[in-house]
């Protein structure tokens, strides 16, 4: 049963968490991709043009707040961004 549509991009350094969120989103009707590193995430932002983003704020290396700052600088077109601490 498709509940919604959109393109969801997930960034979480924990592969299990990011893939679980991706699978749940796909079951709800999203086209979804997940990443575990900021470099790959920003490549996907450019290629995938997500409408929604889920972002882990507490990651080694790339701070989630810095990722959000960079998304704003790059004028990301996602209409929804959900940030959480895992």
Protein backbone atom coordinates (compact mmCIF):
# COMPACT_ATOMS: atom_id res chain seq x y z
CA UNK A 1 0.00 0.00 0.00
CA UNK A 2 1.52 3.32 -1.12
CA UNK A 3 0.81 6.08 1.39
CA UNK A 4 2.85 8.88 -0.15
CA UNK A 5 5.29 9.70 -2.90
CA UNK A 6 8.56 11.57 -3.03
CA UNK A 7 12.30 11.04 -3.05
CA UNK A 8 13.80 10.45 0.40
CA UNK A 9 17.53 10.60 1.09
CA UNK A 10 18.81 9.31 4.45
CA UNK A 11 22.19 10.12 6.00
CA UNK A 12 23.19 8.10 9.06
CA UNK A 13 26.63 6.69 9.84
CA UNK A 14 24.99 3.52 11.18
CA UNK A 15 24.30 1.36 8.10
CA UNK A 16 21.60 -0.64 9.88
CA UNK A 17 19.69 2.50 10.84
CA UNK A 18 19.96 4.14 7.41
CA UNK A 19 18.92 1.00 5.53
CA UNK A 20 15.99 0.34 7.90
CA UNK A 21 14.67 3.88 7.42
CA UNK A 22 15.12 3.53 3.64
CA UNK A 23 13.18 0.25 3.56
CA UNK A 24 10.36 1.66 5.69
CA UNK A 25 10.11 4.70 3.43
CA UNK A 26 9.99 2.51 0.33
CA UNK A 27 7.17 0.50 1.88
CA UNK A 28 5.30 3.79 2.43
CA UNK A 29 5.68 4.76 -1.22
CA UNK A 30 8.85 6.83 -1.32
CA UNK A 31 11.67 6.30 -3.76
CA UNK A 32 14.46 6.18 -1.18
CA UNK A 33 18.24 6.03 -0.96
CA UNK A 34 20.53 5.92 2.04
CA UNK A 35 24.13 6.95 2.71
CA UNK A 36 26.51 6.46 5.61
CA UNK A 37 29.00 9.22 4.74
CA UNK A 38 28.62 12.93 3.99
CA UNK A 39 30.63 12.81 0.75
CA UNK A 40 28.30 10.21 -0.76
CA UNK A 41 25.28 12.06 0.65
CA UNK A 42 26.17 15.28 -1.19
CA UNK A 43 26.74 13.38 -4.43
CA UNK A 44 23.27 11.88 -4.02
CA UNK A 45 21.75 15.30 -3.26
CA UNK A 46 23.00 16.48 -6.66
CA UNK A 47 22.04 13.32 -8.60
CA UNK A 48 18.85 12.24 -6.82
CA UNK A 49 17.36 15.70 -6.03
CA UNK A 50 15.52 14.52 -2.89
CA UNK A 51 12.19 15.99 -1.84
CA UNK A 52 12.74 14.80 1.74
CA UNK A 53 15.85 14.27 3.88
CA UNK A 54 16.46 12.43 7.15
CA UNK A 55 19.75 13.35 8.77
CA UNK A 56 21.66 12.05 11.80
CA UNK A 57 23.09 15.02 13.70
CA UNK A 58 25.69 13.07 15.71
CA UNK A 59 28.11 11.50 13.26
CA UNK A 60 31.87 11.11 13.31
CA UNK A 61 33.67 13.32 10.83
CA UNK A 62 30.80 15.33 9.37
CA UNK A 63 28.72 17.09 11.99
CA UNK A 64 25.02 17.01 11.13
CA UNK A 65 24.64 20.73 11.75
CA UNK A 66 27.43 21.40 9.25
CA UNK A 67 25.68 19.13 6.74
CA UNK A 68 22.49 21.20 7.18
CA UNK A 69 24.49 24.41 6.72
CA UNK A 70 25.98 23.07 3.49
CA UNK A 71 22.55 21.99 2.24
CA UNK A 72 21.36 25.57 2.70
CA UNK A 73 24.42 26.96 0.90
CA UNK A 74 23.86 24.58 -2.01
CA UNK A 75 20.19 25.59 -2.10
CA UNK A 76 18.86 22.07 -1.68
CA UNK A 77 15.26 21.83 -2.94
CA UNK A 78 14.05 19.27 -0.40
CA UNK A 79 10.73 20.39 1.06
CA UNK A 80 11.19 18.46 4.33
CA UNK A 81 14.30 17.83 6.41
CA UNK A 82 14.15 15.78 9.61
CA UNK A 83 17.22 15.77 11.84
CA UNK A 84 17.73 13.40 14.76
CA UNK A 85 20.44 12.27 17.15
CA UNK A 86 21.07 8.54 16.95
